[in-house]
PDB file of N, CA and C in Angstrom:
ATOM      1  N   MET A   1      43.381 -13.219 -38.223  1.00  0.00           N
ATOM      2  CA  MET A   1      43.727 -14.401 -37.467  1.00  0.00           C
ATOM      3  C   MET A   1      42.621 -14.699 -36.451  1.00  0.00           C
ATOM      4  N   ASN A   2      42.236 -15.953 -36.371  1.00  0.00           N
ATOM      5  CA  ASN A   2      41.185 -16.384 -35.451  1.00  0.00           C
ATOM      6  C   ASN A   2      41.720 -16.356 -34.018  1.00  0.00           C
ATOM      7  N   LYS A   3      41.064 -15.592 -33.149  1.00  0.00           N
ATOM      8  CA  LYS A   3      41.500 -15.487 -31.756  1.00  0.00           C
ATOM      9  C   LYS A   3      40.917 -16.602 -30.889  1.00  0.00           C
ATOM     10  N   ASN A   4      40.096 -17.439 -31.478  1.00  0.00           N
ATOM     11  CA  ASN A   4      39.475 -18.536 -30.750  1.00  0.00           C
ATOM     12  C   ASN A   4      39.520 -19.806 -31.616  1.00  0.00           C
ATOM     13  N   PRO A   5      40.735 -20.276 -31.960  1.00  0.00           N
ATOM     14  CA  PRO A   5      40.826 -21.428 -32.868  1.00  0.00           C
ATOM     15  C   PRO A   5      40.335 -22.712 -32.203  1.00  0.00           C
ATOM     16  N   LYS A   6      39.826 -23.609 -33.022  1.00  0.00           N
ATOM     17  CA  LYS A   6      39.416 -24.907 -32.504  1.00  0.00           C
ATOM     18  C   LYS A   6      40.664 -25.719 -32.178  1.00  0.00           C
ATOM     19  N   VAL A   7      40.645 -26.327 -31.007  1.00  0.00           N
ATOM     20  CA  VAL A   7      41.736 -27.182 -30.568  1.00  0.00           C
ATOM     21  C   VAL A   7      41.252 -28.629 -30.608  1.00  0.00           C
ATOM     22  N   SER A   8      42.051 -29.485 -31.209  1.00  0.00           N
ATOM     23  CA  SER A   8      41.752 -30.916 -31.235  1.00  0.00           C
ATOM     24  C   SER A   8      42.557 -31.600 -30.144  1.00  0.00           C
ATOM     25  N   ILE A   9      41.866 -32.303 -29.280  1.00  0.00           N
ATOM     26  CA  ILE A   9      42.501 -33.039 -28.186  1.00  0.00           C
ATOM     27  C   ILE A   9      42.448 -34.518 -28.539  1.00  0.00           C
ATOM     28  N   VAL A  10      43.609 -35.148 -28.581  1.00  0.00           N
ATOM     29  CA  VAL A  10      43.682 -36.573 -28.898  1.00  0.00           C
ATOM     30  C   VAL A  10      43.903 -37.332 -27.595  1.00  0.00           C
ATOM     31  N   LEU A  11      43.003 -38.266 -27.315  1.00  0.00           N
ATOM     32  CA  LEU A  11      43.066 -39.043 -26.082  1.00  0.00           C
ATOM     33  C   LEU A  11      43.109 -40.532 -26.425  1.00  0.00           C
ATOM     34  N   PRO A  12      44.316 -41.127 -26.433  1.00  0.00           N
ATOM     35  CA  PRO A  12      44.376 -42.573 -26.631  1.00  0.00           C
ATOM     36  C   PRO A  12      43.935 -43.285 -25.357  1.00  0.00           C
ATOM     37  N   THR A  13      43.291 -44.426 -25.491  1.00  0.00           N
ATOM     38  CA  THR A  13      42.844 -45.171 -24.319  1.00  0.00           C
ATOM     39  C   THR A  13      42.882 -46.667 -24.604  1.00  0.00           C
ATOM     40  N   TYR A  14      43.054 -47.433 -23.544  1.00  0.00           N
ATOM     41  CA  TYR A  14      43.009 -48.895 -23.631  1.00  0.00           C
ATOM     42  C   TYR A  14      42.597 -49.433 -22.268  1.00  0.00           C
ATOM     43  N   ASN A  15      41.392 -49.971 -22.196  1.00  0.00           N
ATOM     44  CA  ASN A  15      40.856 -50.552 -20.961  1.00  0.00           C
ATOM     45  C   ASN A  15      41.022 -49.617 -19.768  1.00  0.00           C
ATOM     46  N   ARG A  16      40.557 -48.399 -19.920  1.00  0.00           N
ATOM     47  CA  ARG A  16      40.683 -47.398 -18.862  1.00  0.00           C
ATOM     48  C   ARG A  16      39.323 -46.948 -18.331  1.00  0.00           C
ATOM     49  N   ALA A  17      38.372 -47.848 -18.287  1.00  0.00           N
ATOM     50  CA  ALA A  17      37.037 -47.476 -17.804  1.00  0.00           C
ATOM     51  C   ALA A  17      37.087 -46.868 -16.406  1.00  0.00           C
ATOM     52  N   LYS A  18      38.001 -47.323 -15.574  1.00  0.00           N
ATOM     53  CA  LYS A  18      38.080 -46.802 -14.196  1.00  0.00           C
ATOM     54  C   LYS A  18      38.657 -45.391 -14.152  1.00  0.00           C
ATOM     55  N   LEU A  19      39.366 -44.970 -15.199  1.00  0.00           N
ATOM     56  CA  LEU A  19      40.033 -43.669 -15.199  1.00  0.00           C
ATOM     57  C   LEU A  19      39.510 -42.686 -16.248  1.00  0.00           C
ATOM     58  N   ILE A  20      38.826 -43.166 -17.254  1.00  0.00           N
ATOM     59  CA  ILE A  20      38.474 -42.321 -18.409  1.00  0.00           C
ATOM     60  C   ILE A  20      37.595 -41.137 -18.016  1.00  0.00           C
ATOM     61  N   MET A  21      36.692 -41.321 -17.069  1.00  0.00           N
ATOM     62  CA  MET A  21      35.801 -40.221 -16.716  1.00  0.00           C
ATOM     63  C   MET A  21      36.561 -39.062 -16.087  1.00  0.00           C
ATOM     64  N   ARG A  22      37.584 -39.356 -15.332  1.00  0.00           N
ATOM     65  CA  ARG A  22      38.402 -38.288 -14.745  1.00  0.00           C
ATOM     66  C   ARG A  22      39.029 -37.437 -15.852  1.00  0.00           C
ATOM     67  N   ALA A  23      39.549 -38.083 -16.879  1.00  0.00           N
ATOM     68  CA  ALA A  23      40.137 -37.351 -17.999  1.00  0.00           C
ATOM     69  C   ALA A  23      39.074 -36.557 -18.758  1.00  0.00           C
ATOM     70  N   LEU A  24      37.929 -37.168 -18.991  1.00  0.00           N
ATOM     71  CA  LEU A  24      36.861 -36.491 -19.736  1.00  0.00           C
ATOM     72  C   LEU A  24      36.324 -35.280 -18.981  1.00  0.00           C
ATOM     73  N   TYR A  25      36.125 -35.417 -17.671  1.00  0.00           N
ATOM     74  CA  TYR A  25      35.654 -34.278 -16.878  1.00  0.00           C
ATOM     75  C   TYR A  25      36.690 -33.157 -16.856  1.00  0.00           C
ATOM     76  N   SER A  26      37.950 -33.511 -16.813  1.00  0.00           N
ATOM     77  CA  SER A  26      39.009 -32.507 -16.829  1.00  0.00           C
ATOM     78  C   SER A  26      38.977 -31.704 -18.124  1.00  0.00           C
ATOM     79  N   ILE A  27      38.770 -32.383 -19.232  1.00  0.00           N
ATOM     80  CA  ILE A  27      38.674 -31.699 -20.529  1.00  0.00           C
ATOM     81  C   ILE A  27      37.431 -30.814 -20.551  1.00  0.00           C
ATOM     82  N   ARG A  28      36.308 -31.367 -20.132  1.00  0.00           N
ATOM     83  CA  ARG A  28      35.042 -30.623 -20.143  1.00  0.00           C
ATOM     84  C   ARG A  28      35.100 -29.365 -19.281  1.00  0.00           C
ATOM     85  N   ASP A  29      35.789 -29.432 -18.165  1.00  0.00           N
ATOM     86  CA  ASP A  29      35.778 -28.348 -17.189  1.00  0.00           C
ATOM     87  C   ASP A  29      36.775 -27.226 -17.473  1.00  0.00           C
ATOM     88  N   GLN A  30      37.470 -27.282 -18.583  1.00  0.00           N
ATOM     89  CA  GLN A  30      38.396 -26.214 -18.947  1.00  0.00           C
ATOM     90  C   GLN A  30      37.628 -24.937 -19.283  1.00  0.00           C
ATOM     91  N   ASN A  31      38.274 -23.798 -19.140  1.00  0.00           N
ATOM     92  CA  ASN A  31      37.654 -22.515 -19.482  1.00  0.00           C
ATOM     93  C   ASN A  31      37.532 -22.321 -20.990  1.00  0.00           C
ATOM     94  N   TYR A  32      38.421 -22.932 -21.745  1.00  0.00           N
ATOM     95  CA  TYR A  32      38.414 -22.802 -23.200  1.00  0.00           C
ATOM     96  C   TYR A  32      37.420 -23.812 -23.765  1.00  0.00           C
ATOM     97  N   ASN A  33      36.463 -23.339 -24.537  1.00  0.00           N
ATOM     98  CA  ASN A  33      35.372 -24.208 -24.992  1.00  0.00           C
ATOM     99  C   ASN A  33      35.380 -24.575 -26.460  1.00  0.00           C
ATOM    100  N   ASN A  34      36.282 -24.001 -27.245  1.00  0.00           N
ATOM    101  CA  ASN A  34      36.293 -24.315 -28.671  1.00  0.00           C
ATOM    102  C   ASN A  34      37.248 -25.480 -28.925  1.00  0.00           C
ATOM    103  N   TRP A  35      36.763 -26.679 -28.605  1.00  0.00           N
ATOM    104  CA  TRP A  35      37.576 -27.872 -28.762  1.00  0.00           C
ATOM    105  C   TRP A  35      36.751 -29.014 -29.314  1.00  0.00           C
ATOM    106  N   GLU A  36      37.482 -29.995 -29.838  1.00  0.00           N
ATOM    107  CA  GLU A  36      36.889 -31.272 -30.199  1.00  0.00           C
ATOM    108  C   GLU A  36      37.762 -32.334 -29.553  1.00  0.00           C
ATOM    109  N   LEU A  37      37.171 -33.450 -29.231  1.00  0.00           N
ATOM    110  CA  LEU A  37      37.893 -34.528 -28.574  1.00  0.00           C
ATOM    111  C   LEU A  37      37.905 -35.738 -29.497  1.00  0.00           C
ATOM    112  N   ILE A  38      39.100 -36.207 -29.792  1.00  0.00           N
ATOM    113  CA  ILE A  38      39.278 -37.404 -30.608  1.00  0.00           C
ATOM    114  C   ILE A  38      39.798 -38.499 -29.683  1.00  0.00           C
ATOM    115  N   ILE A  39      38.962 -39.491 -29.437  1.00  0.00           N
ATOM    116  CA  ILE A  39      39.335 -40.596 -28.561  1.00  0.00           C
ATOM    117  C   ILE A  39      39.670 -41.785 -29.447  1.00  0.00           C
ATOM    118  N   VAL A  40      40.887 -42.283 -29.299  1.00  0.00           N
ATOM    119  CA  VAL A  40      41.319 -43.455 -30.060  1.00  0.00           C
ATOM    120  C   VAL A  40      41.408 -44.619 -29.078  1.00  0.00           C
ATOM    121  N   ASP A  41      40.472 -45.545 -29.204  1.00  0.00           N
ATOM    122  CA  ASP A  41      40.404 -46.714 -28.342  1.00  0.00           C
ATOM    123  C   ASP A  41      41.233 -47.825 -28.978  1.00  0.00           C
ATOM    124  N   ASP A  42      42.287 -48.199 -28.290  1.00  0.00           N
ATOM    125  CA  ASP A  42      43.249 -49.169 -28.819  1.00  0.00           C
ATOM    126  C   ASP A  42      42.871 -50.606 -28.450  1.00  0.00           C
ATOM    127  N   GLY A  43      41.605 -50.954 -28.711  1.00  0.00           N
ATOM    128  CA  GLY A  43      41.161 -52.335 -28.526  1.00  0.00           C
ATOM    129  C   GLY A  43      40.609 -52.669 -27.160  1.00  0.00           C
ATOM    130  N   SER A  44      40.050 -51.691 -26.455  1.00  0.00           N
ATOM    131  CA  SER A  44      39.493 -51.955 -25.123  1.00  0.00           C
ATOM    132  C   SER A  44      38.411 -53.019 -25.179  1.00  0.00           C
ATOM    133  N   PHE A  45      38.348 -53.831 -24.123  1.00  0.00           N
ATOM    134  CA  PHE A  45      37.274 -54.809 -24.010  1.00  0.00           C
ATOM    135  C   PHE A  45      36.492 -54.631 -22.713  1.00  0.00           C
ATOM    136  N   ASP A  46      36.713 -53.499 -22.022  1.00  0.00           N
ATOM    137  CA  ASP A  46      35.896 -53.166 -20.854  1.00  0.00           C
ATOM    138  C   ASP A  46      34.776 -52.226 -21.312  1.00  0.00           C
ATOM    139  N   ASN A  47      34.165 -51.485 -20.420  1.00  0.00           N
ATOM    140  CA  ASN A  47      33.035 -50.629 -20.811  1.00  0.00           C
ATOM    141  C   ASN A  47      33.456 -49.180 -21.121  1.00  0.00           C
ATOM    142  N   THR A  48      34.681 -48.992 -21.593  1.00  0.00           N
ATOM    143  CA  THR A  48      35.181 -47.664 -21.944  1.00  0.00           C
ATOM    144  C   THR A  48      34.246 -46.973 -22.940  1.00  0.00           C
ATOM    145  N   LYS A  49      33.857 -47.652 -24.003  1.00  0.00           N
ATOM    146  CA  LYS A  49      33.008 -47.038 -25.035  1.00  0.00           C
ATOM    147  C   LYS A  49      31.678 -46.575 -24.452  1.00  0.00           C
ATOM    148  N   HIS A  50      31.068 -47.359 -23.607  1.00  0.00           N
ATOM    149  CA  HIS A  50      29.791 -46.980 -22.992  1.00  0.00           C
ATOM    150  C   HIS A  50      29.938 -45.677 -22.203  1.00  0.00           C
ATOM    151  N   LEU A  51      31.008 -45.563 -21.424  1.00  0.00           N
ATOM    152  CA  LEU A  51      31.228 -44.348 -20.640  1.00  0.00           C
ATOM    153  C   LEU A  51      31.441 -43.135 -21.546  1.00  0.00           C
ATOM    154  N   ILE A  52      32.161 -43.324 -22.630  1.00  0.00           N
ATOM    155  CA  ILE A  52      32.390 -42.231 -23.588  1.00  0.00           C
ATOM    156  C   ILE A  52      31.073 -41.809 -24.228  1.00  0.00           C
ATOM    157  N   ASP A  53      30.259 -42.782 -24.603  1.00  0.00           N
ATOM    158  CA  ASP A  53      28.951 -42.469 -25.198  1.00  0.00           C
ATOM    159  C   ASP A  53      28.086 -41.658 -24.235  1.00  0.00           C
ATOM    160  N   GLU A  54      28.076 -42.026 -22.972  1.00  0.00           N
ATOM    161  CA  GLU A  54      27.294 -41.290 -21.975  1.00  0.00           C
ATOM    162  C   GLU A  54      27.846 -39.878 -21.780  1.00  0.00           C
ATOM    163  N   PHE A  55      29.153 -39.744 -21.732  1.00  0.00           N
ATOM    164  CA  PHE A  55      29.779 -38.432 -21.590  1.00  0.00           C
ATOM    165  C   PHE A  55      29.438 -37.532 -22.772  1.00  0.00           C
ATOM    166  N   ALA A  56      29.470 -38.076 -23.977  1.00  0.00           N
ATOM    167  CA  ALA A  56      29.208 -37.289 -25.189  1.00  0.00           C
ATOM    168  C   ALA A  56      27.824 -36.641 -25.153  1.00  0.00           C
ATOM    169  N   LYS A  57      26.884 -37.233 -24.460  1.00  0.00           N
ATOM    170  CA  LYS A  57      25.535 -36.673 -24.336  1.00  0.00           C
ATOM    171  C   LYS A  57      25.502 -35.421 -23.460  1.00  0.00           C
ATOM    172  N   THR A  58      26.566 -35.181 -22.697  1.00  0.00           N
ATOM    173  CA  THR A  58      26.568 -34.083 -21.731  1.00  0.00           C
ATOM    174  C   THR A  58      27.327 -32.845 -22.198  1.00  0.00           C
ATOM    175  N   VAL A  59      27.928 -32.889 -23.376  1.00  0.00           N
ATOM    176  CA  VAL A  59      28.709 -31.749 -23.862  1.00  0.00           C
ATOM    177  C   VAL A  59      28.233 -31.338 -25.252  1.00  0.00           C
ATOM    178  N   ASN A  60      28.492 -30.081 -25.588  1.00  0.00           N
ATOM    179  CA  ASN A  60      28.121 -29.573 -26.906  1.00  0.00           C
ATOM    180  C   ASN A  60      29.237 -29.754 -27.931  1.00  0.00           C
ATOM    181  N   GLN A  61      30.442 -29.997 -27.464  1.00  0.00           N
ATOM    182  CA  GLN A  61      31.575 -30.129 -28.360  1.00  0.00           C
ATOM    183  C   GLN A  61      31.536 -31.473 -29.093  1.00  0.00           C
ATOM    184  N   ASN A  62      32.291 -31.513 -30.188  1.00  0.00           N
ATOM    185  CA  ASN A  62      32.349 -32.695 -31.023  1.00  0.00           C
ATOM    186  C   ASN A  62      33.232 -33.759 -30.366  1.00  0.00           C
ATOM    187  N   ILE A  63      32.694 -34.965 -30.213  1.00  0.00           N
ATOM    188  CA  ILE A  63      33.449 -36.104 -29.698  1.00  0.00           C
ATOM    189  C   ILE A  63      33.560 -37.117 -30.837  1.00  0.00           C
ATOM    190  N   ILE A  64      34.773 -37.439 -31.215  1.00  0.00           N
ATOM    191  CA  ILE A  64      35.022 -38.418 -32.272  1.00  0.00           C
ATOM    192  C   ILE A  64      35.616 -39.657 -31.607  1.00  0.00           C
ATOM    193  N   TYR A  65      34.978 -40.803 -31.812  1.00  0.00           N
ATOM    194  CA  TYR A  65      35.446 -42.054 -31.218  1.00  0.00           C
ATOM    195  C   TYR A  65      35.949 -42.946 -32.334  1.00  0.00           C
ATOM    196  N   ILE A  66      37.194 -43.380 -32.202  1.00  0.00           N
ATOM    197  CA  ILE A  66      37.811 -44.266 -33.185  1.00  0.00           C
ATOM    198  C   ILE A  66      38.248 -45.528 -32.455  1.00  0.00           C
ATOM    199  N   TYR A  67      37.803 -46.676 -32.938  1.00  0.00           N
ATOM    200  CA  TYR A  67      38.204 -47.950 -32.357  1.00  0.00           C
ATOM    201  C   TYR A  67      39.155 -48.648 -33.314  1.00  0.00           C
ATOM    202  N   GLN A  68      40.235 -49.174 -32.762  1.00  0.00           N
ATOM    203  CA  GLN A  68      41.157 -49.970 -33.573  1.00  0.00           C
ATOM    204  C   GLN A  68      41.554 -51.208 -32.775  1.00  0.00           C
ATOM    205  N   GLU A  69      41.966 -52.243 -33.462  1.00  0.00           N
ATOM    206  CA  GLU A  69      42.525 -53.408 -32.782  1.00  0.00           C
ATOM    207  C   GLU A  69      43.777 -52.964 -32.045  1.00  0.00           C
ATOM    208  N   ASN A  70      44.092 -53.610 -30.949  1.00  0.00           N
ATOM    209  CA  ASN A  70      45.218 -53.218 -30.110  1.00  0.00           C
ATOM    210  C   ASN A  70      46.530 -53.237 -30.887  1.00  0.00           C
ATOM    211  N   ARG A  71      47.135 -52.033 -31.004  1.00  0.00           N
ATOM    212  CA  ARG A  71      48.417 -51.873 -31.689  1.00  0.00           C
ATOM    213  C   ARG A  71      49.396 -51.040 -30.874  1.00  0.00           C
ATOM    214  N   GLY A  72      49.015 -50.635 -29.676  1.00  0.00           N
ATOM    215  CA  GLY A  72      49.907 -49.871 -28.812  1.00  0.00           C
ATOM    216  C   GLY A  72      49.588 -48.384 -28.811  1.00  0.00           C
ATOM    217  N   ALA A  73      50.067 -47.705 -27.760  1.00  0.00           N
ATOM    218  CA  ALA A  73      49.753 -46.287 -27.560  1.00  0.00           C
ATOM    219  C   ALA A  73      50.280 -45.411 -28.695  1.00  0.00           C
ATOM    220  N   GLY A  74      51.468 -45.697 -29.194  1.00  0.00           N
ATOM    221  CA  GLY A  74      52.022 -44.891 -30.283  1.00  0.00           C
ATOM    222  C   GLY A  74      51.142 -44.923 -31.512  1.00  0.00           C
ATOM    223  N   SER A  75      50.669 -46.092 -31.845  1.00  0.00           N
ATOM    224  CA  SER A  75      49.769 -46.227 -32.990  1.00  0.00           C
ATOM    225  C   SER A  75      48.463 -45.476 -32.740  1.00  0.00           C
ATOM    226  N   ALA A  76      47.941 -45.570 -31.524  1.00  0.00           N
ATOM    227  CA  ALA A  76      46.689 -44.883 -31.196  1.00  0.00           C
ATOM    228  C   ALA A  76      46.845 -43.375 -31.339  1.00  0.00           C
ATOM    229  N   ARG A  77      47.962 -42.830 -30.906  1.00  0.00           N
ATOM    230  CA  ARG A  77      48.183 -41.382 -31.026  1.00  0.00           C
ATOM    231  C   ARG A  77      48.291 -40.941 -32.477  1.00  0.00           C
ATOM    232  N   ASN A  78      48.758 -41.820 -33.344  1.00  0.00           N
ATOM    233  CA  ASN A  78      48.982 -41.457 -34.742  1.00  0.00           C
ATOM    234  C   ASN A  78      47.773 -41.686 -35.639  1.00  0.00           C
ATOM    235  N   VAL A  79      46.697 -42.226 -35.117  1.00  0.00           N
ATOM    236  CA  VAL A  79      45.518 -42.561 -35.940  1.00  0.00           C
ATOM    237  C   VAL A  79      44.765 -41.327 -36.407  1.00  0.00           C
ATOM    238  N   SER A  80      44.639 -40.336 -35.578  1.00  0.00           N
ATOM    239  CA  SER A  80      43.722 -39.227 -35.886  1.00  0.00           C
ATOM    240  C   SER A  80      44.311 -38.243 -36.893  1.00  0.00           C
ATOM    241  N   ALA A  81      43.438 -37.748 -37.738  1.00  0.00           N
ATOM    242  CA  ALA A  81      43.759 -36.643 -38.630  1.00  0.00           C
ATOM    243  C   ALA A  81      42.748 -35.560 -38.271  1.00  0.00           C
ATOM    244  N   HIS A  82      43.210 -34.387 -37.881  1.00  0.00           N
ATOM    245  CA  HIS A  82      42.299 -33.400 -37.331  1.00  0.00           C
ATOM    246  C   HIS A  82      42.674 -31.994 -37.798  1.00  0.00           C
ATOM    247  N   PRO A  83      41.703 -31.086 -37.827  1.00  0.00           N
ATOM    248  CA  PRO A  83      41.927 -29.753 -38.349  1.00  0.00           C
ATOM    249  C   PRO A  83      42.571 -28.770 -37.376  1.00  0.00           C
ATOM    250  N   GLY A  84      42.422 -28.971 -36.087  1.00  0.00           N
ATOM    251  CA  GLY A  84      42.894 -27.982 -35.121  1.00  0.00           C
ATOM    252  C   GLY A  84      44.295 -28.242 -34.626  1.00  0.00           C
ATOM    253  N   PRO A  85      44.863 -27.286 -33.891  1.00  0.00           N
ATOM    254  CA  PRO A  85      46.156 -27.531 -33.243  1.00  0.00           C
ATOM    255  C   PRO A  85      46.032 -28.724 -32.315  1.00  0.00           C
ATOM    256  N   SER A  86      47.075 -29.508 -32.165  1.00  0.00           N
ATOM    257  CA  SER A  86      47.014 -30.744 -31.403  1.00  0.00           C
ATOM    258  C   SER A  86      47.634 -30.602 -30.033  1.00  0.00           C
ATOM    259  N   ILE A  87      46.937 -31.122 -29.018  1.00  0.00           N
ATOM    260  CA  ILE A  87      47.469 -31.260 -27.671  1.00  0.00           C
ATOM    261  C   ILE A  87      47.240 -32.714 -27.292  1.00  0.00           C
ATOM    262  N   SER A  88      48.272 -33.430 -26.972  1.00  0.00           N
ATOM    263  CA  SER A  88      48.096 -34.836 -26.584  1.00  0.00           C
ATOM    264  C   SER A  88      48.917 -35.166 -25.371  1.00  0.00           C
TER     265      SER A  88
END
């Protein structure tokens, strides 16, 4: 059994440029480092994507960005298919 399994973190977002960095730094600053981040953008029209792109340059972990037309938070949470245990 793997004692250090990869954890997939699903982060739905919609026009949260003012708050997204706080969430991203919180994820980055955890002691557990074997993670990937799946960000599902539910149709943002602010600069959320730009901030995510800049953040991705600062970490070694895999950042997956998925953009969809606005369909609501429930739909955004259900978009990702991922290999690791899920925390959302």
